[in-house]
Amino acid sequence: MTKAGEKSRLTHADIVLRHWREAVPNDRLAHLVKDATRGLQRALQARLARHNVAFGHWVFLRILWEREGLTQRELSEEAGLMEPTTFSALVAMEKLGYIERRKLPHSRKNVYVYLTPAGRALKKALVPIAEEVNEIAVRSVDPRDVATTRRTLLVMIENIARDEAEHAAAASAPAAPARRKVNQDAPADSRNDLRNDLRDASAAQKKTAAR
């Protein structure tokens, strides 16, 4: 068989596994997590399709099964998606009869999302499907290794979240005022006046920061 013919017979999984086992086994961990996530999503998506449920709807159903009455913004944050994407999905889910959107008396501005009986009933059919995919993914893996993987991924999430918070704090911090350079050629009295001005400004800045 020619190389072209062999390549055409390879599945996506074959290509991914060859990449990791032969081509670049020490490629970045982020890529490995991404490939594993895509595999899990494809397996779940194929099973959801048998129930005529889109993967994009599953994302929000799973959140609403745990807690209803969220706003569109809260759902977007929970799902890690942009609000326009969430809005489009909710409109489609409402037409399918999975959810209803309500305005409540205490807050007429926000729209809150609730499951319908049909949306709640999907949990019984779909959650076992997700559990099945997870079981398939760790088949033949030692439970101790699974537990280690869980701990490692949680630490990674925590580290990245801390890094994001630090960068956000640095970006919002006020810029330090530019230091004025003392002209050594200026008269002594002028230099002393400038040094005093700089000292007073620094003391005022420290006093403001301490409040």
N, C-alpha and C. Protein backbone atom coordinates (compact mmCIF):
# COMPACT_ATOMS: atom_id res chain seq x y z
N MET A 1 0.85 -1.19 0.00
CA MET A 1 0.00 0.00 0.00
C MET A 1 0.89 1.25 0.00
N THR A 2 0.53 2.25 -0.79
CA THR A 2 1.30 3.48 -0.85
C THR A 2 1.09 4.29 0.43
N LYS A 3 2.01 5.23 0.64
CA LYS A 3 1.88 6.07 1.82
C LYS A 3 0.60 6.89 1.78
N ALA A 4 0.22 7.33 0.56
CA ALA A 4 -1.02 8.10 0.42
C ALA A 4 -2.22 7.25 0.78
N GLY A 5 -2.20 5.97 0.33
CA GLY A 5 -3.31 5.08 0.64
C GLY A 5 -3.37 4.76 2.12
N GLU A 6 -2.20 4.58 2.73
CA GLU A 6 -2.16 4.29 4.16
C GLU A 6 -2.69 5.46 4.96
N LYS A 7 -2.32 6.68 4.54
CA LYS A 7 -2.75 7.87 5.26
C LYS A 7 -4.27 8.04 5.18
N SER A 8 -4.84 7.68 4.02
CA SER A 8 -6.28 7.83 3.84
C SER A 8 -7.06 6.88 4.74
N ARG A 9 -6.43 5.76 5.14
CA ARG A 9 -7.10 4.77 5.98
C ARG A 9 -6.96 5.08 7.47
N LEU A 10 -6.09 6.01 7.81
CA LEU A 10 -5.88 6.36 9.21
C LEU A 10 -7.06 7.17 9.75
N THR A 11 -7.49 6.84 10.94
CA THR A 11 -8.52 7.64 11.60
C THR A 11 -7.87 8.86 12.25
N HIS A 12 -8.72 9.78 12.69
CA HIS A 12 -8.19 10.96 13.38
C HIS A 12 -7.42 10.54 14.62
N ALA A 13 -7.95 9.54 15.33
CA ALA A 13 -7.27 9.06 16.54
C ALA A 13 -5.90 8.48 16.20
N ASP A 14 -5.81 7.73 15.07
CA ASP A 14 -4.52 7.18 14.66
C ASP A 14 -3.49 8.28 14.44
N ILE A 15 -3.93 9.35 13.79
CA ILE A 15 -3.02 10.47 13.49
C ILE A 15 -2.57 11.14 14.78
N VAL A 16 -3.50 11.37 15.70
CA VAL A 16 -3.16 12.01 16.97
C VAL A 16 -2.20 11.15 17.78
N LEU A 17 -2.48 9.85 17.85
CA LEU A 17 -1.62 8.96 18.63
C LEU A 17 -0.23 8.85 18.01
N ARG A 18 -0.14 8.81 16.69
CA ARG A 18 1.17 8.77 16.03
C ARG A 18 1.94 10.04 16.34
N HIS A 19 1.25 11.17 16.37
CA HIS A 19 1.89 12.45 16.70
C HIS A 19 2.55 12.37 18.07
N TRP A 20 1.80 11.82 19.05
CA TRP A 20 2.30 11.82 20.42
C TRP A 20 3.29 10.70 20.69
N ARG A 21 3.12 9.56 20.04
CA ARG A 21 3.98 8.42 20.33
C ARG A 21 5.24 8.38 19.47
N GLU A 22 5.18 8.99 18.29
CA GLU A 22 6.32 8.87 17.37
C GLU A 22 6.92 10.22 16.98
N ALA A 23 6.06 11.16 16.60
CA ALA A 23 6.58 12.41 16.07
C ALA A 23 7.17 13.31 17.14
N VAL A 24 6.35 13.77 18.05
CA VAL A 24 6.82 14.68 19.10
C VAL A 24 6.23 14.25 20.45
N PRO A 25 6.74 13.17 21.02
CA PRO A 25 6.18 12.66 22.28
C PRO A 25 6.27 13.63 23.44
N ASN A 26 7.17 14.60 23.35
CA ASN A 26 7.34 15.57 24.44
C ASN A 26 6.76 16.94 24.09
N ASP A 27 5.80 16.95 23.17
CA ASP A 27 5.14 18.21 22.82
C ASP A 27 4.46 18.79 24.06
N ARG A 28 4.06 20.05 23.97
CA ARG A 28 3.52 20.75 25.13
C ARG A 28 2.28 20.06 25.69
N LEU A 29 2.18 20.08 27.02
CA LEU A 29 1.08 19.42 27.72
C LEU A 29 -0.26 20.01 27.33
N ALA A 30 -0.29 21.31 27.04
CA ALA A 30 -1.54 21.96 26.65
C ALA A 30 -2.14 21.30 25.41
N HIS A 31 -1.28 20.90 24.47
CA HIS A 31 -1.76 20.24 23.25
C HIS A 31 -2.33 18.86 23.57
N LEU A 32 -1.70 18.17 24.49
CA LEU A 32 -2.18 16.84 24.87
C LEU A 32 -3.56 16.93 25.54
N VAL A 33 -3.72 17.90 26.43
CA VAL A 33 -5.02 18.09 27.08
C VAL A 33 -6.08 18.45 26.04
N LYS A 34 -5.71 19.30 25.09
CA LYS A 34 -6.65 19.69 24.03
C LYS A 34 -7.09 18.49 23.21
N ASP A 35 -6.14 17.64 22.82
CA ASP A 35 -6.48 16.45 22.02
C ASP A 35 -7.37 15.49 22.80
N ALA A 36 -7.08 15.30 24.08
CA ALA A 36 -7.91 14.43 24.91
C ALA A 36 -9.33 14.99 25.04
N THR A 37 -9.42 16.31 25.23
CA THR A 37 -10.73 16.96 25.36
C THR A 37 -11.53 16.81 24.07
N ARG A 38 -10.89 16.99 22.93
CA ARG A 38 -11.59 16.85 21.66
C ARG A 38 -12.11 15.43 21.46
N GLY A 39 -11.31 14.45 21.87
CA GLY A 39 -11.75 13.06 21.76
C GLY A 39 -12.96 12.78 22.62
N LEU A 40 -12.96 13.28 23.84
CA LEU A 40 -14.10 13.11 24.74
C LEU A 40 -15.35 13.79 24.17
N GLN A 41 -15.16 14.98 23.61
CA GLN A 41 -16.30 15.72 23.05
C GLN A 41 -16.89 15.01 21.84
N ARG A 42 -16.03 14.48 20.97
CA ARG A 42 -16.54 13.76 19.79
C ARG A 42 -17.33 12.53 20.21
N ALA A 43 -16.82 11.79 21.19
CA ALA A 43 -17.52 10.59 21.65
C ALA A 43 -18.87 10.94 22.26
N LEU A 44 -18.91 12.01 23.04
CA LEU A 44 -20.17 12.42 23.66
C LEU A 44 -21.13 12.98 22.61
N GLN A 45 -20.60 13.75 21.68
CA GLN A 45 -21.44 14.36 20.65
C GLN A 45 -22.15 13.30 19.82
N ALA A 46 -21.45 12.23 19.49
CA ALA A 46 -22.05 11.15 18.70
C ALA A 46 -23.20 10.51 19.45
N ARG A 47 -23.06 10.37 20.75
CA ARG A 47 -24.13 9.75 21.55
C ARG A 47 -25.29 10.71 21.79
N LEU A 48 -24.98 12.00 21.95
CA LEU A 48 -26.06 12.98 22.13
C LEU A 48 -26.92 13.08 20.87
N ALA A 49 -26.28 12.92 19.71
CA ALA A 49 -27.01 13.02 18.45
C ALA A 49 -28.11 11.97 18.34
N ARG A 50 -27.91 10.83 18.99
CA ARG A 50 -28.95 9.78 18.97
C ARG A 50 -30.20 10.23 19.71
N HIS A 51 -30.05 11.21 20.59
CA HIS A 51 -31.20 11.77 21.33
C HIS A 51 -31.60 13.13 20.77
N ASN A 52 -31.03 13.47 19.61
CA ASN A 52 -31.33 14.76 18.95
C ASN A 52 -31.00 15.96 19.84
N VAL A 53 -29.92 15.83 20.60
CA VAL A 53 -29.45 16.92 21.46
C VAL A 53 -28.09 17.39 20.95
N ALA A 54 -27.98 18.68 20.70
CA ALA A 54 -26.71 19.24 20.23
C ALA A 54 -25.72 19.34 21.39
N PHE A 55 -24.43 19.19 21.06
CA PHE A 55 -23.42 19.29 22.11
C PHE A 55 -23.45 20.67 22.76
N GLY A 56 -23.70 21.71 21.95
CA GLY A 56 -23.77 23.06 22.50
C GLY A 56 -24.90 23.24 23.49
N HIS A 57 -25.97 22.47 23.34
CA HIS A 57 -27.08 22.54 24.29
C HIS A 57 -26.76 21.74 25.56
N TRP A 58 -26.03 20.66 25.38
CA TRP A 58 -25.61 19.84 26.54
C TRP A 58 -24.84 20.69 27.54
N VAL A 59 -23.99 21.56 27.05
CA VAL A 59 -23.17 22.40 27.92
C VAL A 59 -24.04 23.18 28.90
N PHE A 60 -25.15 23.75 28.41
CA PHE A 60 -26.02 24.55 29.27
C PHE A 60 -26.97 23.69 30.08
N LEU A 61 -27.42 22.58 29.51
CA LEU A 61 -28.29 21.68 30.27
C LEU A 61 -27.57 21.18 31.52
N ARG A 62 -26.32 20.81 31.35
CA ARG A 62 -25.54 20.27 32.48
C ARG A 62 -25.44 21.29 33.61
N ILE A 63 -25.29 22.56 33.26
CA ILE A 63 -25.22 23.62 34.28
C ILE A 63 -26.57 23.82 34.94
N LEU A 64 -27.62 23.86 34.13
CA LEU A 64 -28.96 24.13 34.66
C LEU A 64 -29.50 22.96 35.49
N TRP A 65 -29.04 21.75 35.22
CA TRP A 65 -29.45 20.62 36.06
C TRP A 65 -28.95 20.80 37.48
N GLU A 66 -27.84 21.48 37.62
CA GLU A 66 -27.26 21.72 38.94
C GLU A 66 -27.86 22.96 39.61
N ARG A 67 -28.16 23.98 38.81
CA ARG A 67 -28.69 25.23 39.38
C ARG A 67 -29.46 26.00 38.33
N GLU A 68 -30.74 26.17 38.57
CA GLU A 68 -31.59 26.94 37.65
C GLU A 68 -31.66 28.40 38.09
N GLY A 69 -32.33 29.20 37.28
CA GLY A 69 -32.53 30.60 37.63
C GLY A 69 -31.32 31.47 37.43
N LEU A 70 -30.40 31.06 36.55
CA LEU A 70 -29.22 31.86 36.26
C LEU A 70 -29.54 32.86 35.15
N THR A 71 -28.83 33.97 35.14
CA THR A 71 -28.97 34.92 34.04
C THR A 71 -28.13 34.45 32.86
N GLN A 72 -28.35 35.09 31.72
CA GLN A 72 -27.57 34.74 30.54
C GLN A 72 -26.08 34.98 30.78
N ARG A 73 -25.75 36.06 31.47
CA ARG A 73 -24.34 36.36 31.75
C ARG A 73 -23.73 35.29 32.66
N GLU A 74 -24.48 34.89 33.68
CA GLU A 74 -23.98 33.86 34.60
C GLU A 74 -23.78 32.54 33.87
N LEU A 75 -24.69 32.20 32.98
CA LEU A 75 -24.54 30.97 32.20
C LEU A 75 -23.31 31.06 31.31
N SER A 76 -23.08 32.21 30.71
CA SER A 76 -21.90 32.39 29.85
C SER A 76 -20.62 32.19 30.65
N GLU A 77 -20.59 32.75 31.85
CA GLU A 77 -19.39 32.62 32.69
C GLU A 77 -19.19 31.17 33.12
N GLU A 78 -20.28 30.49 33.49
CA GLU A 78 -20.18 29.09 33.90
C GLU A 78 -19.69 28.20 32.76
N ALA A 79 -20.19 28.49 31.55
CA ALA A 79 -19.83 27.66 30.40
C ALA A 79 -18.52 28.09 29.74
N GLY A 80 -18.02 29.28 30.09
CA GLY A 80 -16.80 29.78 29.47
C GLY A 80 -17.01 30.20 28.02
N LEU A 81 -18.21 30.73 27.72
CA LEU A 81 -18.54 31.12 26.35
C LEU A 81 -18.93 32.60 26.31
N MET A 82 -18.88 33.18 25.10
CA MET A 82 -19.28 34.56 24.93
C MET A 82 -20.80 34.68 25.01
N GLU A 83 -21.28 35.83 25.45
CA GLU A 83 -22.72 36.01 25.62
C GLU A 83 -23.52 35.85 24.33
N PRO A 84 -23.04 36.34 23.17
CA PRO A 84 -23.81 36.13 21.94
C PRO A 84 -24.00 34.64 21.62
N THR A 85 -22.96 33.83 21.89
CA THR A 85 -23.08 32.38 21.68
C THR A 85 -24.12 31.79 22.62
N THR A 86 -24.09 32.22 23.87
CA THR A 86 -25.06 31.74 24.85
C THR A 86 -26.47 32.14 24.45
N PHE A 87 -26.64 33.37 24.01
CA PHE A 87 -27.97 33.85 23.59
C PHE A 87 -28.54 33.00 22.46
N SER A 88 -27.72 32.72 21.44
CA SER A 88 -28.19 31.91 20.31
C SER A 88 -28.60 30.52 20.76
N ALA A 89 -27.80 29.92 21.66
CA ALA A 89 -28.11 28.58 22.14
C ALA A 89 -29.41 28.58 22.96
N LEU A 90 -29.60 29.60 23.78
CA LEU A 90 -30.80 29.66 24.62
C LEU A 90 -32.06 29.86 23.78
N VAL A 91 -31.96 30.66 22.73
CA VAL A 91 -33.11 30.84 21.84
C VAL A 91 -33.51 29.51 21.21
N ALA A 92 -32.51 28.76 20.74
CA ALA A 92 -32.78 27.45 20.12
C ALA A 92 -33.34 26.47 21.15
N MET A 93 -32.79 26.48 22.35
CA MET A 93 -33.26 25.56 23.39
C MET A 93 -34.68 25.88 23.83
N GLU A 94 -35.02 27.18 23.81
CA GLU A 94 -36.39 27.56 24.16
C GLU A 94 -37.38 27.08 23.11
N LYS A 95 -36.98 27.18 21.83
CA LYS A 95 -37.85 26.70 20.75
C LYS A 95 -38.05 25.19 20.83
N LEU A 96 -37.02 24.47 21.31
CA LEU A 96 -37.11 23.02 21.45
C LEU A 96 -37.90 22.61 22.70
N GLY A 97 -38.18 23.57 23.55
CA GLY A 97 -38.95 23.27 24.76
C GLY A 97 -38.12 22.80 25.93
N TYR A 98 -36.80 23.03 25.90
CA TYR A 98 -35.93 22.60 26.99
C TYR A 98 -35.91 23.60 28.14
N ILE A 99 -36.02 24.88 27.81
CA ILE A 99 -35.90 25.94 28.82
C ILE A 99 -36.99 26.98 28.62
N GLU A 100 -37.13 27.84 29.61
CA GLU A 100 -37.93 29.05 29.45
C GLU A 100 -37.19 30.20 30.11
N ARG A 101 -37.34 31.36 29.53
CA ARG A 101 -36.68 32.56 30.05
C ARG A 101 -37.74 33.46 30.69
N ARG A 102 -37.42 33.90 31.91
CA ARG A 102 -38.39 34.70 32.65
C ARG A 102 -37.76 36.00 33.17
N LYS A 103 -38.59 37.02 33.27
CA LYS A 103 -38.22 38.24 33.98
C LYS A 103 -38.93 38.19 35.33
N LEU A 104 -38.18 38.45 36.37
CA LEU A 104 -38.73 38.36 37.72
C LEU A 104 -39.08 39.75 38.26
N PRO A 105 -40.08 39.83 39.15
CA PRO A 105 -40.53 41.13 39.65
C PRO A 105 -39.43 41.96 40.30
N HIS A 106 -38.52 41.30 41.00
CA HIS A 106 -37.49 42.05 41.72
C HIS A 106 -36.39 42.57 40.80
N SER A 107 -36.34 42.09 39.56
CA SER A 107 -35.30 42.52 38.63
C SER A 107 -35.83 42.39 37.21
N ARG A 108 -36.48 43.45 36.73
CA ARG A 108 -37.07 43.41 35.40
C ARG A 108 -36.02 43.53 34.30
N LYS A 109 -34.82 43.92 34.67
CA LYS A 109 -33.77 44.10 33.67
C LYS A 109 -33.20 42.77 33.21
N ASN A 110 -32.96 41.86 34.14
CA ASN A 110 -32.33 40.58 33.82
C ASN A 110 -33.36 39.54 33.39
N VAL A 111 -32.90 38.61 32.55
CA VAL A 111 -33.72 37.47 32.13
C VAL A 111 -33.12 36.23 32.76
N TYR A 112 -33.94 35.45 33.46
CA TYR A 112 -33.47 34.26 34.17
C TYR A 112 -33.91 33.01 33.43
N VAL A 113 -33.04 32.00 33.44
CA VAL A 113 -33.27 30.80 32.65
C VAL A 113 -33.66 29.64 33.56
N TYR A 114 -34.75 28.98 33.21
CA TYR A 114 -35.25 27.84 33.98
C TYR A 114 -35.51 26.66 33.04
N LEU A 115 -35.35 25.46 33.54
CA LEU A 115 -35.65 24.26 32.77
C LEU A 115 -37.15 24.02 32.73
N THR A 116 -37.62 23.46 31.63
CA THR A 116 -38.99 22.97 31.55
C THR A 116 -38.99 21.52 32.02
N PRO A 117 -40.15 20.91 32.22
CA PRO A 117 -40.19 19.48 32.55
C PRO A 117 -39.45 18.63 31.52
N ALA A 118 -39.55 19.00 30.24
CA ALA A 118 -38.84 18.25 29.20
C ALA A 118 -37.33 18.39 29.36
N GLY A 119 -36.87 19.59 29.72
CA GLY A 119 -35.44 19.80 29.92
C GLY A 119 -34.92 19.03 31.11
N ARG A 120 -35.70 18.98 32.18
CA ARG A 120 -35.27 18.21 33.36
C ARG A 120 -35.26 16.72 33.06
N ALA A 121 -36.22 16.26 32.27
CA ALA A 121 -36.31 14.83 31.96
C ALA A 121 -35.10 14.33 31.17
N LEU A 122 -34.45 15.23 30.43
CA LEU A 122 -33.29 14.82 29.64
C LEU A 122 -32.13 14.36 30.52
N LYS A 123 -32.09 14.83 31.74
CA LYS A 123 -30.98 14.47 32.63
C LYS A 123 -30.88 12.96 32.81
N LYS A 124 -32.02 12.32 32.99
CA LYS A 124 -32.03 10.88 33.23
C LYS A 124 -31.48 10.10 32.04
N ALA A 125 -31.68 10.63 30.84
CA ALA A 125 -31.21 9.94 29.64
C ALA A 125 -29.78 10.30 29.27
N LEU A 126 -29.38 11.53 29.53
CA LEU A 126 -28.09 12.00 29.02
C LEU A 126 -26.92 11.84 29.99
N VAL A 127 -27.16 11.97 31.28
CA VAL A 127 -26.05 11.84 32.24
C VAL A 127 -25.39 10.47 32.15
N PRO A 128 -26.15 9.37 32.05
CA PRO A 128 -25.49 8.06 31.89
C PRO A 128 -24.62 7.98 30.64
N ILE A 129 -25.00 8.71 29.60
CA ILE A 129 -24.19 8.73 28.38
C ILE A 129 -22.83 9.37 28.66
N ALA A 130 -22.84 10.50 29.36
CA ALA A 130 -21.59 11.17 29.70
C ALA A 130 -20.73 10.30 30.60
N GLU A 131 -21.36 9.62 31.54
CA GLU A 131 -20.61 8.73 32.42
C GLU A 131 -20.00 7.58 31.63
N GLU A 132 -20.72 7.08 30.64
CA GLU A 132 -20.20 6.00 29.80
C GLU A 132 -18.94 6.44 29.05
N VAL A 133 -18.98 7.66 28.49
CA VAL A 133 -17.82 8.19 27.75
C VAL A 133 -16.61 8.29 28.67
N ASN A 134 -16.83 8.78 29.88
CA ASN A 134 -15.71 8.90 30.83
C ASN A 134 -15.14 7.53 31.19
N GLU A 135 -16.02 6.55 31.35
CA GLU A 135 -15.55 5.20 31.68
C GLU A 135 -14.75 4.59 30.52
N ILE A 136 -15.19 4.84 29.31
CA ILE A 136 -14.46 4.35 28.13
C ILE A 136 -13.08 4.98 28.06
N ALA A 137 -13.01 6.28 28.37
CA ALA A 137 -11.75 7.01 28.25
C ALA A 137 -10.68 6.49 29.20
N VAL A 138 -11.08 6.01 30.38
CA VAL A 138 -10.09 5.55 31.36
C VAL A 138 -10.06 4.03 31.45
N ARG A 139 -10.63 3.37 30.45
CA ARG A 139 -10.62 1.91 30.44
C ARG A 139 -9.17 1.41 30.45
N SER A 140 -8.88 0.45 31.29
CA SER A 140 -7.56 -0.17 31.46
C SER A 140 -6.55 0.74 32.16
N VAL A 141 -6.99 1.89 32.63
CA VAL A 141 -6.11 2.79 33.37
C VAL A 141 -6.26 2.49 34.86
N ASP A 142 -5.14 2.37 35.54
CA ASP A 142 -5.15 2.10 36.98
C ASP A 142 -5.89 3.23 37.71
N PRO A 143 -6.82 2.90 38.60
CA PRO A 143 -7.56 3.94 39.34
C PRO A 143 -6.64 4.93 40.06
N ARG A 144 -5.48 4.46 40.49
CA ARG A 144 -4.55 5.38 41.15
C ARG A 144 -4.01 6.40 40.17
N ASP A 145 -3.81 5.98 38.92
CA ASP A 145 -3.36 6.92 37.89
C ASP A 145 -4.45 7.93 37.55
N VAL A 146 -5.69 7.45 37.54
CA VAL A 146 -6.82 8.36 37.30
C VAL A 146 -6.88 9.42 38.39
N ALA A 147 -6.72 8.99 39.65
CA ALA A 147 -6.75 9.93 40.77
C ALA A 147 -5.61 10.93 40.67
N THR A 148 -4.43 10.45 40.27
CA THR A 148 -3.28 11.36 40.10
C THR A 148 -3.54 12.36 38.99
N THR A 149 -4.14 11.90 37.90
CA THR A 149 -4.46 12.80 36.79
C THR A 149 -5.44 13.88 37.23
N ARG A 150 -6.43 13.49 38.01
CA ARG A 150 -7.39 14.46 38.52
C ARG A 150 -6.69 15.53 39.36
N ARG A 151 -5.83 15.09 40.27
CA ARG A 151 -5.13 16.04 41.14
C ARG A 151 -4.25 16.96 40.31
N THR A 152 -3.57 16.40 39.32
CA THR A 152 -2.68 17.20 38.48
C THR A 152 -3.45 18.26 37.70
N LEU A 153 -4.57 17.87 37.10
CA LEU A 153 -5.37 18.81 36.32
C LEU A 153 -5.94 19.91 37.21
N LEU A 154 -6.35 19.56 38.43
CA LEU A 154 -6.86 20.58 39.34
C LEU A 154 -5.78 21.59 39.72
N VAL A 155 -4.57 21.10 39.95
CA VAL A 155 -3.45 22.00 40.26
C VAL A 155 -3.15 22.90 39.05
N MET A 156 -3.20 22.32 37.85
CA MET A 156 -2.97 23.12 36.64
C MET A 156 -4.00 24.23 36.52
N ILE A 157 -5.27 23.89 36.76
CA ILE A 157 -6.34 24.90 36.69
C ILE A 157 -6.09 26.00 37.72
N GLU A 158 -5.70 25.60 38.92
CA GLU A 158 -5.44 26.57 39.99
C GLU A 158 -4.26 27.47 39.62
N ASN A 159 -3.19 26.88 39.08
CA ASN A 159 -2.02 27.67 38.71
C ASN A 159 -2.34 28.70 37.62
N ILE A 160 -3.09 28.26 36.62
CA ILE A 160 -3.44 29.17 35.53
C ILE A 160 -4.37 30.28 36.03
N ALA A 161 -5.31 29.93 36.92
CA ALA A 161 -6.22 30.93 37.47
C ALA A 161 -5.43 31.98 38.28
N ARG A 162 -4.44 31.51 39.05
CA ARG A 162 -3.62 32.44 39.84
C ARG A 162 -2.81 33.36 38.91
N ASP A 163 -2.29 32.78 37.84
CA ASP A 163 -1.53 33.57 36.87
C ASP A 163 -2.41 34.64 36.22
N GLU A 164 -3.64 34.26 35.86
CA GLU A 164 -4.57 35.22 35.27
C GLU A 164 -4.88 36.36 36.23
N ALA A 165 -5.09 36.01 37.50
CA ALA A 165 -5.39 37.04 38.50
C ALA A 165 -4.22 37.99 38.68
N GLU A 166 -3.01 37.46 38.68
CA GLU A 166 -1.83 38.30 38.85
C GLU A 166 -1.66 39.24 37.67
N HIS A 167 -1.89 38.73 36.46
CA HIS A 167 -1.77 39.58 35.28
C HIS A 167 -2.86 40.66 35.26
N ALA A 168 -4.06 40.29 35.69
CA ALA A 168 -5.15 41.26 35.73
C ALA A 168 -4.84 42.36 36.74
N ALA A 169 -4.29 41.97 37.89
CA ALA A 169 -3.95 42.95 38.92
C ALA A 169 -2.84 43.89 38.43
N ALA A 170 -1.84 43.33 37.73
CA ALA A 170 -0.74 44.15 37.22
C ALA A 170 -1.24 45.12 36.15
N ALA A 171 -2.19 44.66 35.33
CA ALA A 171 -2.70 45.52 34.25
C ALA A 171 -3.53 46.66 34.79
N SER A 172 -4.22 46.45 35.94
CA SER A 172 -5.08 47.49 36.50
C SER A 172 -4.35 48.41 37.47
N ALA A 173 -3.11 48.07 37.83
CA ALA A 173 -2.36 48.90 38.78
C ALA A 173 -1.97 50.22 38.12
N PRO A 174 -2.06 51.34 38.86
CA PRO A 174 -1.67 52.65 38.28
C PRO A 174 -0.19 52.68 37.97
N ALA A 175 0.16 53.32 36.87
CA ALA A 175 1.56 53.43 36.47
C ALA A 175 2.31 54.35 37.43
N ALA A 176 3.55 53.98 37.74
CA ALA A 176 4.37 54.81 38.63
C ALA A 176 4.74 56.10 37.92
N PRO A 177 4.69 57.24 38.63
CA PRO A 177 5.04 58.52 37.99
C PRO A 177 6.50 58.54 37.57
N ALA A 178 6.74 59.18 36.45
CA ALA A 178 8.12 59.26 35.94
C ALA A 178 8.97 60.11 36.88
N ARG A 179 10.18 59.66 37.13
CA ARG A 179 11.09 60.40 38.02
C ARG A 179 11.72 61.54 37.26
N ARG A 180 11.73 62.68 37.90
CA ARG A 180 12.35 63.86 37.27
C ARG A 180 13.85 63.82 37.52
N LYS A 181 14.61 64.04 36.49
CA LYS A 181 16.07 63.99 36.60
C LYS A 181 16.60 65.33 37.09
N VAL A 182 17.47 65.26 38.08
CA VAL A 182 18.07 66.49 38.62
C VAL A 182 19.17 66.96 37.69
N ASN A 183 19.08 68.20 37.29
CA ASN A 183 20.11 68.78 36.42
C ASN A 183 21.28 69.21 37.29
N GLN A 184 22.42 68.51 37.15
CA GLN A 184 23.58 68.80 37.99
C GLN A 184 24.19 70.15 37.66
N ASP A 185 23.86 70.70 36.46
CA ASP A 185 24.42 72.00 36.07
C ASP A 185 23.61 73.17 36.62
N ALA A 186 22.45 72.86 37.22
CA ALA A 186 21.61 73.93 37.77
C ALA A 186 22.23 74.44 39.06
N PRO A 187 21.88 75.65 39.44
CA PRO A 187 22.39 76.19 40.72
C PRO A 187 22.02 75.30 41.89
N ALA A 188 22.81 75.36 42.95
CA ALA A 188 22.60 74.50 44.12
C ALA A 188 21.21 74.69 44.71
N ASP A 189 20.75 75.94 44.81
CA ASP A 189 19.43 76.19 45.39
C ASP A 189 18.33 75.53 44.57
N SER A 190 18.47 75.58 43.24
CA SER A 190 17.45 74.99 42.37
C SER A 190 17.43 73.48 42.53
N ARG A 191 18.63 72.87 42.64
CA ARG A 191 18.70 71.42 42.80
C ARG A 191 18.06 71.00 44.11
N ASN A 192 18.34 71.77 45.18
CA ASN A 192 17.75 71.43 46.48
C ASN A 192 16.23 71.54 46.45
N ASP A 193 15.73 72.61 45.77
CA ASP A 193 14.27 72.77 45.66
C ASP A 193 13.65 71.60 44.92
N LEU A 194 14.31 71.13 43.86
CA LEU A 194 13.77 70.02 43.09
C LEU A 194 13.78 68.74 43.91
N ARG A 195 14.87 68.50 44.67
CA ARG A 195 14.93 67.31 45.53
C ARG A 195 13.82 67.35 46.58
N ASN A 196 13.58 68.52 47.14
CA ASN A 196 12.50 68.64 48.13
C ASN A 196 11.14 68.35 47.51
N ASP A 197 10.93 68.84 46.29
CA ASP A 197 9.66 68.58 45.59
C ASP A 197 9.46 67.09 45.38
N LEU A 198 10.54 66.42 44.95
CA LEU A 198 10.45 64.98 44.70
C LEU A 198 10.18 64.22 45.99
N ARG A 199 10.83 64.63 47.09
CA ARG A 199 10.63 63.96 48.37
C ARG A 199 9.19 64.15 48.86
N ASP A 200 8.66 65.36 48.69
CA ASP A 200 7.28 65.64 49.12
C ASP A 200 6.29 64.84 48.29
N ALA A 201 6.55 64.72 46.98
CA ALA A 201 5.64 63.97 46.11
C ALA A 201 5.64 62.50 46.48
N SER A 202 6.86 61.97 46.79
CA SER A 202 6.95 60.56 47.16
C SER A 202 6.22 60.29 48.47
N ALA A 203 6.34 61.20 49.43
CA ALA A 203 5.68 61.02 50.72
C ALA A 203 4.16 61.08 50.56
N ALA A 204 3.69 61.97 49.69
CA ALA A 204 2.25 62.08 49.45
C ALA A 204 1.70 60.81 48.79
N GLN A 205 2.49 60.26 47.88
CA GLN A 205 2.06 59.02 47.19
C GLN A 205 1.96 57.86 48.18
N LYS A 206 2.94 57.73 49.08
CA LYS A 206 2.92 56.66 50.08
C LYS A 206 1.74 56.84 51.03
N LYS A 207 1.45 58.07 51.40
CA LYS A 207 0.32 58.32 52.29
C LYS A 207 -1.00 57.96 51.65
N THR A 208 -1.13 58.26 50.34
CA THR A 208 -2.36 57.91 49.62
C THR A 208 -2.51 56.40 49.51
N ALA A 209 -1.40 55.70 49.24
CA ALA A 209 -1.46 54.24 49.10
C ALA A 209 -1.81 53.55 50.41
N ALA A 210 -1.45 54.17 51.55
CA ALA A 210 -1.69 53.55 52.85
C ALA A 210 -3.14 53.69 53.30
N ARG A 211 -3.92 54.53 52.63
CA ARG A 211 -5.31 54.73 53.04
C ARG A 211 -6.16 53.51 52.70
